[in-house]
Protein backbone atom coordinates (compact mmCIF):
# COMPACT_ATOMS: atom_id res chain seq x y z
CA MET A 1 58.47 25.47 82.52
CA LYS A 2 55.26 28.28 81.31
CA LYS A 3 55.05 24.93 78.83
CA THR A 4 55.38 22.00 81.77
CA TYR A 5 52.72 23.94 83.92
CA LEU A 6 50.25 23.91 80.57
CA ILE A 7 50.26 20.58 80.47
CA ILE A 8 50.25 19.28 84.05
CA LEU A 9 46.82 21.69 83.87
CA LEU A 10 45.60 20.13 81.21
CA ASN A 11 45.90 16.84 82.55
CA PHE A 12 44.35 17.83 85.40
CA PHE A 13 41.45 18.98 83.87
CA PHE A 14 40.45 15.72 81.49
CA PHE A 15 41.27 13.66 84.48
CA GLN A 16 38.76 15.43 86.00
CA ALA A 17 35.87 15.82 82.90
CA GLY A 18 36.68 11.93 83.29
CA ASN A 19 35.70 11.46 87.00
CA ASN A 20 32.61 13.29 86.34
CA TRP A 21 31.54 11.66 83.34
CA ALA A 22 32.41 8.43 85.07
CA ILE A 23 30.17 9.56 87.75
CA GLY A 24 27.35 10.57 85.70
CA MET A 25 27.51 7.25 83.99
CA GLN A 26 26.96 5.91 87.71
CA ASN A 27 24.00 8.19 88.60
CA SER A 28 22.63 7.13 85.10
CA SER A 29 22.97 3.67 85.50
CA ALA A 30 21.62 3.97 89.07
CA LYS A 31 18.58 6.08 88.26
CA LYS A 32 17.40 3.56 85.84
CA GLU A 33 18.47 0.54 87.93
CA ILE A 34 16.01 2.36 90.17
CA GLN A 35 13.50 3.02 87.84
CA GLN A 36 13.50 -0.21 86.91
CA GLU A 37 12.89 -1.72 90.48
CA LYS A 38 10.48 0.61 90.75
CA LYS A 39 8.58 -0.41 87.48
CA GLU A 40 9.21 -4.02 89.11
CA LEU A 41 7.47 -2.77 92.51
CA GLU A 42 4.94 -1.71 91.44
CA ARG A 43 3.65 -4.47 88.55
CA ILE A 44 4.24 -6.97 91.81
CA LYS A 45 1.86 -5.02 93.68
CA SER A 46 -0.86 -5.06 90.50
CA LYS A 47 -0.77 -8.68 90.38
CA ILE A 48 -0.77 -9.08 94.16
CA GLY A 49 -4.05 -6.46 93.99
CA THR A 50 -5.50 -8.83 91.08
CA GLU A 51 -4.83 -11.93 92.82
CA SER A 52 -6.39 -10.60 95.85
CA ASP A 53 -9.05 -9.21 93.74
CA LYS A 54 -9.79 -12.77 92.18
CA ILE A 55 -9.52 -14.54 95.74
CA GLN A 56 -12.20 -12.02 97.18
CA GLU A 57 -14.43 -12.24 93.83
CA GLU A 58 -13.88 -16.36 94.42
CA VAL A 59 -14.74 -16.22 98.36
CA LYS A 60 -18.08 -13.95 97.18
CA ARG A 61 -18.80 -16.55 94.72
CA GLU A 62 -19.00 -19.44 97.34
CA LYS A 63 -20.87 -17.36 99.62
CA SER A 64 -23.31 -16.27 96.48
CA ILE A 65 -25.89 -18.50 96.11
CA LEU A 66 -26.57 -17.45 92.23
CA GLY A 67 -23.14 -18.02 91.85
CA GLN A 68 -23.32 -21.88 93.43
CA LEU A 69 -26.30 -22.57 91.37
CA GLU A 70 -24.39 -21.09 88.00
CA SER A 71 -21.88 -23.70 88.82
CA VAL A 72 -23.97 -26.14 89.45
CA ASN A 73 -25.81 -25.08 86.01
CA LYS A 74 -22.51 -24.82 84.01
CA ALA A 75 -21.66 -28.74 85.61
CA LEU A 76 -24.62 -30.47 84.84
CA LYS A 77 -24.37 -28.52 80.95
CA THR A 78 -20.81 -29.67 80.45
CA SER A 79 -22.44 -33.27 81.28
CA GLN A 80 -24.93 -33.11 79.44
CA ARG A 81 -22.59 -32.18 76.45
CA GLU A 82 -20.73 -34.79 76.38
CA LEU A 83 -23.60 -36.84 77.29
CA THR A 84 -25.36 -36.29 73.86
CA LYS A 85 -21.51 -36.66 72.20
CA HIS A 86 -20.76 -39.82 73.77
CA GLU A 87 -24.96 -40.71 72.25
CA LYS A 88 -24.00 -39.46 69.35
CA LYS A 89 -21.01 -41.73 68.15
CA LEU A 90 -23.14 -44.79 69.39
CA GLU A 91 -25.61 -43.89 66.78
CA SER A 92 -23.13 -43.11 64.30
CA THR A 93 -21.54 -46.49 64.90
CA ASN A 94 -24.79 -48.55 65.35
CA ASN A 95 -26.02 -46.87 61.69
CA LYS A 96 -22.53 -47.97 60.40
CA LEU A 97 -22.99 -51.21 62.17
CA LYS A 98 -26.09 -52.06 60.42
CA LYS A 99 -24.71 -51.21 57.12
CA ILE A 100 -21.78 -53.92 58.08
CA GLU A 101 -24.36 -56.19 58.90
CA PHE A 102 -25.91 -55.58 55.52
CA ASN A 103 -23.42 -55.78 53.61
CA LEU A 104 -22.17 -58.39 55.36
CA ASN A 105 -25.75 -60.70 54.36
CA LYS A 106 -25.47 -59.15 50.31
CA ASN A 107 -21.68 -60.73 50.13
CA ARG A 108 -22.71 -64.26 51.81
CA GLU A 109 -25.37 -64.76 48.87
CA LYS A 110 -23.30 -63.25 46.41
CA THR A 111 -20.47 -66.05 47.23
CA ARG A 112 -23.13 -68.66 47.49
CA ILE A 113 -23.46 -68.20 44.03
CA HIS A 114 -20.79 -67.98 42.82
CA LYS A 115 -20.35 -70.65 44.84
CA LYS A 116 -22.96 -72.93 43.74
CA LEU A 117 -21.92 -71.62 40.10
CA LEU A 118 -18.08 -72.69 40.62
CA GLN A 119 -19.19 -76.57 42.13
CA GLU A 120 -21.20 -76.93 38.53
CA ARG A 121 -18.42 -76.10 36.38
CA LEU A 122 -15.87 -78.48 38.60
CA ARG A 123 -18.60 -81.18 38.93
CA VAL A 124 -18.48 -81.01 34.30
CA ILE A 125 -14.92 -80.25 34.04
CA TYR A 126 -14.77 -83.70 36.78
CA ARG A 127 -17.00 -85.63 34.64
CA GLU A 128 -15.97 -85.03 31.28
CA GLY A 129 -11.81 -85.13 31.68
CA GLU A 130 -8.71 -83.11 30.68
CA ALA A 131 -9.34 -84.43 27.09
CA SER A 132 -13.22 -82.87 26.72
CA TYR A 133 -11.60 -79.54 26.02
CA ILE A 134 -9.30 -81.79 22.80
CA ARG A 135 -12.41 -84.18 21.62
CA VAL A 136 -14.81 -80.81 21.28
CA VAL A 137 -11.65 -78.56 19.49
CA PHE A 138 -10.81 -81.98 17.14
CA SER A 139 -13.75 -83.06 16.41
CA ALA A 140 -14.11 -79.81 13.98
CA SER A 141 -14.94 -80.57 10.66
CA ASP A 142 -13.11 -77.84 8.65
CA THR A 143 -10.93 -75.10 9.54
CA ASN A 144 -13.74 -72.53 10.09
CA ASP A 145 -15.27 -74.96 12.71
CA PHE A 146 -12.30 -75.78 14.08
CA LEU A 147 -11.01 -71.79 15.27
CA GLN A 148 -14.73 -71.14 16.05
CA ARG A 149 -14.47 -74.18 18.81
CA LEU A 150 -11.31 -72.92 19.98
CA LYS A 151 -12.69 -69.78 20.27
CA TYR A 152 -15.38 -70.65 22.85
CA MET A 153 -13.52 -72.85 24.68
CA LYS A 154 -10.96 -69.90 24.86
CA ILE A 155 -14.72 -68.38 26.48
CA ILE A 156 -15.18 -70.33 28.52
CA ALA A 157 -11.50 -71.13 29.31
CA ASN A 158 -11.72 -67.07 30.83
CA PHE A 159 -14.95 -67.38 32.11
CA ASP A 160 -14.01 -70.08 34.08
CA ALA A 161 -11.11 -68.25 35.33
CA GLU A 162 -13.37 -65.29 35.87
CA LEU A 163 -15.34 -67.84 38.62
CA ILE A 164 -12.78 -68.65 39.93
CA SER A 165 -10.92 -65.01 40.62
CA GLN A 166 -14.52 -63.75 41.35
CA TYR A 167 -15.01 -66.65 44.08
CA LYS A 168 -11.39 -65.93 45.46
CA PHE A 169 -12.43 -62.25 45.97
CA ASP A 170 -15.82 -62.88 47.56
CA ILE A 171 -13.88 -64.73 50.06
CA GLU A 172 -11.12 -61.51 50.76
CA ASN A 173 -14.42 -59.44 51.00
CA LEU A 174 -16.27 -61.38 53.54
CA THR A 175 -13.43 -61.98 55.92
CA ALA A 176 -12.28 -57.86 55.68
CA THR A 177 -16.50 -57.22 56.22
CA LYS A 178 -16.20 -59.67 59.11
CA LYS A 179 -13.25 -58.32 60.63
CA ASP A 180 -15.01 -54.34 60.14
CA LEU A 181 -18.09 -55.91 62.01
CA GLN A 182 -16.21 -57.49 65.33
CA GLU A 183 -14.11 -53.99 65.47
CA THR A 184 -17.61 -52.20 65.19
CA ALA A 185 -19.66 -54.32 67.41
CA LYS A 186 -15.88 -53.50 70.20
CA LYS A 187 -17.06 -49.79 69.51
CA VAL A 188 -20.25 -49.99 70.00
CA ALA A 189 -20.16 -52.32 73.39
CA LEU A 190 -17.51 -49.22 74.34
CA TYR A 191 -19.76 -45.90 73.13
CA LYS A 192 -22.43 -47.51 74.96
CA ASP A 193 -20.72 -48.31 78.13
CA ALA A 194 -19.02 -44.68 78.45
CA SER A 195 -23.08 -43.27 77.49
CA GLN A 196 -23.73 -45.21 79.81
CA LYS A 197 -20.98 -43.85 82.31
CA LYS A 198 -22.28 -40.56 81.44
CA LYS A 199 -26.23 -41.02 81.84
CA ASN A 200 -25.30 -41.59 85.29
CA GLU A 201 -23.29 -38.80 86.47
CA THR A 202 -25.93 -36.92 84.45
CA LEU A 203 -28.30 -37.87 86.80
CA ILE A 204 -25.82 -37.25 90.30
CA LYS A 205 -25.59 -33.83 88.94
CA LYS A 206 -29.25 -33.67 87.97
CA ARG A 207 -30.48 -35.28 91.42
CA LYS A 208 -27.49 -32.60 93.35
CA LYS A 209 -29.16 -29.62 91.49
CA GLN A 210 -32.59 -30.40 92.52
CA LYS A 211 -31.62 -30.91 96.08
CA PHE A 212 -29.68 -27.07 96.37
CA LEU A 213 -32.87 -26.21 94.40
CA ASN A 214 -35.08 -27.27 97.43
CA LYS A 215 -32.69 -26.07 100.20
CA ILE A 216 -33.39 -22.32 98.45
CA ARG A 217 -37.07 -22.76 98.42
CA THR A 218 -37.60 -24.26 102.48
CA ARG A 219 -34.72 -22.01 104.26
CA LYS A 220 -36.53 -19.04 104.53
CA SER A 221 -32.25 -17.55 105.50
CA THR A 222 -31.89 -18.90 102.07
CA HIS A 223 -35.15 -17.18 100.11
CA LYS A 224 -34.31 -14.52 101.52
CA LYS A 225 -30.80 -13.99 100.27
CA ILE A 226 -30.84 -15.23 97.12
CA GLN A 227 -34.23 -12.94 96.34
CA SER A 228 -31.41 -10.19 97.88
CA GLU A 229 -29.20 -11.63 95.04
CA LEU A 230 -31.66 -11.70 92.24
CA LEU A 231 -32.49 -7.50 92.60
CA GLU A 232 -28.91 -6.68 92.46
CA ALA A 233 -29.04 -9.61 89.11
CA SER A 234 -31.53 -7.14 87.80
CA LYS A 235 -30.37 -3.78 88.43
CA GLU A 236 -27.19 -5.48 86.77
CA LEU A 237 -29.21 -6.61 83.27
CA SER A 238 -30.27 -2.52 83.75
CA SER A 239 -27.22 -1.03 83.70
CA LEU A 240 -26.55 -4.00 80.72
CA ILE A 241 -29.34 -2.88 78.99
CA ALA A 242 -28.45 1.13 79.59
CA ILE A 243 -24.74 0.00 77.91
CA LEU A 244 -26.34 -1.66 75.13
CA GLU A 245 -29.04 1.47 74.72
CA LYS A 246 -25.78 3.58 73.68
CA SER A 247 -24.88 1.56 70.75
CA TYR A 248 -28.20 0.85 69.26
CA PHE A 249 -28.81 2.22 66.26
CA GLU A 250 -32.85 2.20 65.76
CA GLU A 251 -34.58 2.47 62.51
CA LYS A 252 -37.44 4.56 62.36
CA ASN A 253 -41.33 2.94 61.24
CA LEU A 254 -41.23 0.15 63.37
CA THR A 255 -44.21 -0.57 64.95
CA PHE A 256 -43.49 -2.06 68.56
CA HIS A 257 -45.45 0.73 70.27
CA LYS A 258 -48.69 -0.18 68.39
CA ARG A 259 -48.53 -3.43 69.01
CA LYS A 260 -49.87 -3.23 72.88
CA GLY A 261 -51.93 -6.21 73.35
CA PHE A 262 -51.75 -7.94 70.18
CA LEU A 263 -47.99 -9.09 70.65
CA PRO A 264 -47.73 -13.35 70.34
CA TRP A 265 -46.52 -15.44 73.48
CA PRO A 266 -43.04 -16.13 72.96
CA VAL A 267 -43.63 -19.61 74.37
CA LYS A 268 -47.07 -21.62 74.68
CA GLY A 269 -47.59 -22.28 78.68
CA LYS A 270 -48.39 -21.42 82.48
CA VAL A 271 -47.77 -17.92 83.89
CA LEU A 272 -45.74 -19.54 87.23
CA SER A 273 -44.35 -15.83 88.42
CA PRO A 274 -46.73 -13.09 87.52
CA TYR A 275 -45.35 -9.37 86.85
CA GLY A 276 -44.89 -6.98 90.08
CA LYS A 277 -45.40 -7.41 93.73
CA VAL A 278 -45.20 -11.16 94.38
CA LYS A 279 -45.60 -12.91 98.26
CA ASN A 280 -44.40 -15.62 99.37
CA LYS A 281 -47.35 -17.58 101.29
CA ARG A 282 -44.42 -19.97 102.80
CA PHE A 283 -41.86 -17.36 104.21
CA LYS A 284 -44.85 -14.08 104.02
CA THR A 285 -42.58 -12.29 102.36
CA PHE A 286 -42.86 -9.94 99.38
CA SER A 287 -40.34 -9.65 96.28
CA TYR A 288 -40.70 -7.60 92.94
CA ASN A 289 -41.02 -9.33 89.05
CA ASN A 290 -39.92 -7.52 86.57
CA GLY A 291 -41.61 -9.52 84.09
CA ILE A 292 -43.24 -12.78 84.09
CA GLU A 293 -41.70 -16.31 84.06
CA ILE A 294 -44.08 -18.65 82.37
CA ALA A 295 -43.55 -23.10 82.45
CA ALA A 296 -42.12 -24.58 79.43
CA PRO A 297 -40.18 -28.18 79.49
CA VAL A 298 -36.74 -27.88 78.40
CA GLY A 299 -36.10 -27.78 74.61
CA LYS A 300 -39.29 -25.68 73.30
CA ASN A 301 -39.09 -22.99 70.92
CA VAL A 302 -38.47 -19.83 71.58
CA ARG A 303 -40.43 -17.19 69.08
CA ALA A 304 -39.92 -13.59 68.85
CA VAL A 305 -42.78 -11.52 69.41
CA HIS A 306 -41.85 -9.10 67.12
CA GLN A 307 -39.02 -8.37 64.86
CA GLY A 308 -36.31 -6.39 66.21
CA GLU A 309 -32.51 -7.16 66.67
CA VAL A 310 -30.04 -9.35 69.06
CA LEU A 311 -28.62 -6.40 71.08
CA TYR A 312 -27.24 -9.70 73.76
CA SER A 313 -26.93 -12.90 73.68
CA GLY A 314 -25.16 -14.68 75.82
CA ASN A 315 -24.96 -15.86 80.28
CA LEU A 316 -26.13 -13.49 83.37
CA LYS A 317 -25.72 -14.22 86.46
CA GLY A 318 -29.27 -14.37 87.64
CA TYR A 319 -31.31 -14.93 84.68
CA GLY A 320 -28.98 -17.95 82.73
CA LEU A 321 -28.66 -17.72 78.54
CA ILE A 322 -30.40 -14.43 77.91
CA VAL A 323 -31.33 -13.05 74.97
CA ILE A 324 -32.07 -9.21 74.33
CA LEU A 325 -33.52 -8.09 71.37
CA GLY A 326 -34.37 -4.18 70.45
CA HIS A 327 -37.42 -2.96 68.95
CA GLY A 328 -36.85 0.22 67.97
CA LYS A 329 -38.26 3.89 69.97
CA GLY A 330 -36.73 2.19 73.10
CA PHE A 331 -38.24 -1.14 73.66
CA TYR A 332 -36.96 -4.07 74.43
CA SER A 333 -38.05 -8.12 75.18
CA LEU A 334 -35.60 -10.49 77.54
CA TYR A 335 -35.63 -14.01 76.93
CA ALA A 336 -33.86 -15.52 79.80
CA HIS A 337 -33.43 -18.92 81.04
CA LEU A 338 -32.75 -20.69 78.08
CA SER A 339 -30.90 -24.02 76.78
CA LYS A 340 -30.41 -22.16 73.45
CA SER A 341 -29.53 -18.95 71.51
CA MET A 342 -29.71 -19.59 67.32
CA VAL A 343 -28.26 -15.94 67.34
CA LYS A 344 -25.94 -13.81 67.57
CA LYS A 345 -25.63 -9.78 68.13
CA GLY A 346 -26.50 -8.42 65.54
CA SER A 347 -28.63 -10.78 64.30
CA ARG A 348 -31.78 -9.48 63.00
CA VAL A 349 -35.22 -11.51 63.65
CA LEU A 350 -38.54 -11.81 62.55
CA LYS A 351 -42.01 -11.55 64.11
CA SER A 352 -42.72 -14.92 65.38
CA GLN A 353 -39.11 -16.59 64.32
CA VAL A 354 -37.72 -19.22 66.19
CA PHE A 355 -34.15 -18.02 68.03
CA ALA A 356 -33.96 -20.09 70.73
CA GLN A 357 -34.90 -23.13 73.36
CA THR A 358 -36.34 -23.30 77.15
CA GLY A 359 -34.49 -24.68 79.85
CA ASP A 360 -34.00 -23.44 83.35
CA SER A 361 -30.14 -22.43 83.58
CA ASP A 362 -30.29 -20.22 86.52
CA SER A 363 -33.55 -20.78 87.37
CA ILE A 364 -34.42 -21.12 90.78
CA ASN A 365 -38.89 -22.50 89.68
CA GLY A 366 -37.34 -24.85 87.51
CA PRO A 367 -37.28 -25.55 83.62
CA SER A 368 -39.52 -22.08 82.44
CA LEU A 369 -39.29 -19.12 79.94
CA TYR A 370 -38.48 -15.79 81.82
CA PHE A 371 -39.82 -13.35 79.87
CA GLU A 372 -40.03 -8.89 80.10
CA ILE A 373 -41.27 -5.86 77.68
CA ARG A 374 -39.26 -2.78 78.75
CA ASN A 375 -39.78 0.77 78.07
CA LYS A 376 -36.56 3.23 77.48
CA ARG A 377 -35.37 0.49 80.25
CA ALA A 378 -37.94 0.49 82.44
CA PRO A 379 -40.30 -2.93 83.18
CA GLU A 380 -43.29 -3.05 81.75
CA ASN A 381 -46.55 -5.75 82.47
CA PRO A 382 -45.83 -8.38 79.79
CA LEU A 383 -49.57 -9.50 80.10
CA LYS A 384 -50.49 -6.21 79.08
CA TRP A 385 -48.62 -6.82 75.62
CA LEU A 386 -49.38 -9.75 74.76
CA SER A 387 -52.22 -11.20 72.82
CA VAL A 388 -55.12 -12.69 75.34
CA ALA A 389 -54.86 -16.16 73.64
CA LYS A 390 -51.35 -17.86 73.87
CA LYS A 391 -50.57 -18.73 70.24
């Protein structure tokens, strides 16, 4: 009786324990599912937030004049890059065409000479007849003379065979060259057409940009808005310099601070916009320039005003393509609105070294070089640093 009771009690215990374990497992599984759901919810929220930020940024960008100018510049730059690519292909194919034409004329002349020689030989063979070879050989005076004549006849026969073979090769080579000429001429026509289309497209984009710039220059509301945006861009530039300053390892014994009034000009040209407070005569408004803008056509060489290290080379809204050089002891020189940079971050440049080319990226004044000098992040008048003679 006791034994039966004990068995029932043990069975009940294990049954209850099994239930508890199953419930525990269910609870654990449920907790995991809840955790996963929470993570998924957070991920979706994060994604929605990111997408929302992107949409807001895009809306802001569309409203931003500098953003629109940046987009116009980017489209124009892409079009110009593609145009250059087409023009290079066209030039390369034209050079190939000239080379083929030269080889064709050369082959024609070679074929003409071989043809003339072959005609002469055929006339001699026709005039003398097939028996001429036999007569020459068998008219020998002795065995040695016979063998000598036979040897010469073999040489003549080989020469004739070589002449025929060479003429055949010339004809084949001439045919292949003509075919190559036709195919290359077709490519030239295609590249010419593509290049012309790209030129027209680039011209349309240039006109679009000019129209956009005219709008900025002639509307007071637009003018005020872009001045406000340029001020924000200037603050962003200052923040960038502050970040760069932390990672910039200055070399000792640099003499930039001693060169005030003697620095060479980065590019030769008229000063379009001076340093400091500037009055707009059209709208009677004031703005403040942290640097100067020097008039220069696109593609002109930009030289370093002093030796230094490239701290930044890239695009920045409001400045376009910009290069920042560190000269030690808290001094920096900035070059903006570039069309091309030939240096990367960390590169070393020497005084008067060409490291970039002028352009009009993000410039509202057209092709020019924007130039700044900063002392411990604070802008200084570049004209006080540059030499009087524009060298």
